[in-house]
C-alpha atoms as a PDB file:
ATOM      1  CA  PRO A   1       3.439  -0.406 -14.902  1.00  0.00           C
ATOM      2  CA  ALA A   2       5.727  -1.781 -12.158  1.00  0.00           C
ATOM      3  CA  VAL A   3       2.860  -2.903  -9.892  1.00  0.00           C
ATOM      4  CA  LEU A   4       1.574  -6.467 -10.116  1.00  0.00           C
ATOM      5  CA  ILE A   5      -1.099  -6.190  -7.411  1.00  0.00           C
ATOM      6  CA  ALA A   6      -1.914  -3.688  -4.674  1.00  0.00           C
ATOM      7  CA  ALA A   7      -4.281  -3.298  -1.739  1.00  0.00           C
ATOM      8  CA  CYS A   8      -5.077  -0.292   0.402  1.00  0.00           C
ATOM      9  CA  ILE A   9      -5.824  -0.817   4.094  1.00  0.00           C
ATOM     10  CA  SER A  10      -6.205   1.472   7.066  1.00  0.00           C
ATOM     11  CA  VAL A  11      -3.572   1.573   9.801  1.00  0.00           C
ATOM     12  CA  HIS A  12      -3.280   3.486  13.055  1.00  0.00           C
ATOM     13  CA  HIS A  13      -2.247   7.150  12.874  1.00  0.00           C
ATOM     14  CA  PRO A  14      -1.451   9.135  16.038  1.00  0.00           C
ATOM     15  CA  LYS A  15      -3.352  12.264  14.966  1.00  0.00           C
ATOM     16  CA  TRP A  16      -6.098  11.084  12.596  1.00  0.00           C
ATOM     17  CA  ASP A  17      -6.850   7.721  14.243  1.00  0.00           C
ATOM     18  CA  GLU A  18      -6.364   5.879  10.938  1.00  0.00           C
ATOM     19  CA  ARG A  19      -4.930   6.574   7.500  1.00  0.00           C
ATOM     20  CA  PRO A  20      -4.420   4.556   4.305  1.00  0.00           C
ATOM     21  CA  LEU A  21      -1.425   2.284   3.756  1.00  0.00           C
ATOM     22  CA  LEU A  22      -0.822   0.911   0.275  1.00  0.00           C
ATOM     23  CA  VAL A  23       0.551  -2.640   0.180  1.00  0.00           C
ATOM     24  CA  VAL A  24       2.173  -3.459  -3.179  1.00  0.00           C
ATOM     25  CA  VAL A  25       3.632  -6.481  -4.930  1.00  0.00           C
ATOM     26  CA  LYS A  26       6.072  -5.404  -7.641  1.00  0.00           C
ATOM     27  CA  LYS A  27       6.250  -7.110 -11.006  1.00  0.00           C
ATOM     28  CA  PRO A  28       9.193  -9.533 -11.093  1.00  0.00           C
ATOM     29  CA  GLU A  29      10.896  -7.719 -13.978  1.00  0.00           C
ATOM     30  CA  THR A  30      10.856  -4.358 -12.175  1.00  0.00           C
ATOM     31  CA  THR A  31      14.356  -2.969 -11.703  1.00  0.00           C
ATOM     32  CA  GLN A  32      13.325   0.337 -10.122  1.00  0.00           C
ATOM     33  CA  ASP A  33      14.367   0.705  -6.481  1.00  0.00           C
ATOM     34  CA  GLU A  34      11.602   0.796  -3.882  1.00  0.00           C
ATOM     35  CA  GLN A  35      12.150   4.411  -2.808  1.00  0.00           C
ATOM     36  CA  SER A  36      11.750   5.855  -6.306  1.00  0.00           C
ATOM     37  CA  LEU A  37       8.902   3.449  -7.040  1.00  0.00           C
ATOM     38  CA  LYS A  38       7.149   4.638  -3.886  1.00  0.00           C
ATOM     39  CA  LYS A  39       7.454   8.257  -5.084  1.00  0.00           C
ATOM     40  CA  ASP A  40       6.087   7.329  -8.529  1.00  0.00           C
ATOM     41  CA  ILE A  41       3.132   5.461  -7.047  1.00  0.00           C
ATOM     42  CA  LEU A  42       2.172   8.312  -4.728  1.00  0.00           C
ATOM     43  CA  ALA A  43       2.611  10.848  -7.550  1.00  0.00           C
ATOM     44  CA  PHE A  44       0.224   8.776  -9.688  1.00  0.00           C
ATOM     45  CA  PHE A  45      -2.636   9.634  -7.299  1.00  0.00           C
ATOM     46  CA  GLU A  46      -2.073  13.405  -7.445  1.00  0.00           C
ATOM     47  CA  GLY A  47      -4.871  15.139  -9.309  1.00  0.00           C
ATOM     48  CA  LYS A  48      -6.882  11.904  -9.583  1.00  0.00           C
ATOM     49  CA  VAL A  49      -8.185  11.582  -6.027  1.00  0.00           C
ATOM     50  CA  ALA A  50      -8.661  13.951  -3.106  1.00  0.00           C
ATOM     51  CA  LYS A  51      -5.403  14.841  -1.370  1.00  0.00           C
ATOM     52  CA  TRP A  52      -6.505  13.255   1.922  1.00  0.00           C
ATOM     53  CA  TRP A  53      -7.272   9.959   0.134  1.00  0.00           C
ATOM     54  CA  ILE A  54      -3.672   9.505  -1.005  1.00  0.00           C
ATOM     55  CA  PRO A  55      -1.969   6.809   1.097  1.00  0.00           C
ATOM     56  CA  ASP A  56       0.485   8.045   3.711  1.00  0.00           C
ATOM     57  CA  ASP A  57       2.901   5.210   3.033  1.00  0.00           C
ATOM     58  CA  VAL A  58       3.624   2.424   0.552  1.00  0.00           C
ATOM     59  CA  THR A  59       5.051  -0.883   1.666  1.00  0.00           C
ATOM     60  CA  PHE A  60       6.295  -3.658  -0.604  1.00  0.00           C
ATOM     61  CA  ILE A  61       5.760  -7.375  -0.053  1.00  0.00           C
ATOM     62  CA  GLU A  62       6.758 -10.466  -2.001  1.00  0.00           C
ATOM     63  CA  GLN A  63       3.351 -12.143  -2.140  1.00  0.00           C
ATOM     64  CA  MET A  64      -0.191 -10.850  -1.573  1.00  0.00           C
ATOM     65  CA  PRO A  65      -2.406 -13.007   0.664  1.00  0.00           C
ATOM     66  CA  LEU A  66      -5.257 -14.277  -1.520  1.00  0.00           C
ATOM     67  CA  THR A  67      -8.259 -16.508  -0.897  1.00  0.00           C
ATOM     68  CA  ALA A  68      -8.808 -19.754  -2.797  1.00  0.00           C
ATOM     69  CA  THR A  69     -10.883 -17.811  -5.340  1.00  0.00           C
ATOM     70  CA  GLY A  70      -8.168 -15.182  -5.863  1.00  0.00           C
ATOM     71  CA  LYS A  71      -9.669 -12.355  -3.803  1.00  0.00           C
ATOM     72  CA  LEU A  72      -7.526 -10.175  -1.541  1.00  0.00           C
ATOM     73  CA  MET A  73      -7.445 -11.171   2.105  1.00  0.00           C
ATOM     74  CA  LYS A  74      -7.682  -7.677   3.579  1.00  0.00           C
ATOM     75  CA  LEU A  75      -8.318  -9.052   7.054  1.00  0.00           C
ATOM     76  CA  LYS A  76      -4.985 -10.881   6.872  1.00  0.00           C
ATOM     77  CA  LEU A  77      -3.246  -7.686   5.691  1.00  0.00           C
ATOM     78  CA  ARG A  78      -4.817  -5.691   8.533  1.00  0.00           C
ATOM     79  CA  GLU A  79      -3.610  -8.336  10.979  1.00  0.00           C
ATOM     80  CA  ILE A  80      -0.057  -8.229   9.572  1.00  0.00           C
ATOM     81  CA  TYR A  81       0.125  -4.419   9.626  1.00  0.00           C
ATOM     82  CA  LYS A  82      -1.822  -3.768  12.853  1.00  0.00           C
ATOM     83  CA  ASP A  83       1.358  -2.439  14.522  1.00  0.00           C
ATOM     84  CA  HIS A  84       2.534  -0.412  11.510  1.00  0.00           C
ATOM     85  CA  ARG A  85       3.000   3.210  12.547  1.00  0.00           C
ATOM     86  CA  LEU A  86       2.816   6.103  10.130  1.00  0.00           C
ATOM     87  CA  ALA A  87       4.874   9.251  10.548  1.00  0.00           C
ATOM     88  CA  GLN A  88       3.055  12.225  12.034  1.00  0.00           C
END
């Protein structure tokens, strides 16, 4: 309920080559801190998808890059997070 929009992209991982990173824009009225929100988001996936599909990290941004028609610009997100490193 605290997520306005989210996108999942792949980022470099030292062991597995690449792993999922979830990029999230919070709803403006959300008062929950990012650390507890991150835990809640990752817990939401448990039991719904395979364990190895669950993103390794969640990062929060103010505004999602969208095209003129309102579609996610995943290429832009991949460019922004190309140097993002996940923990081993």
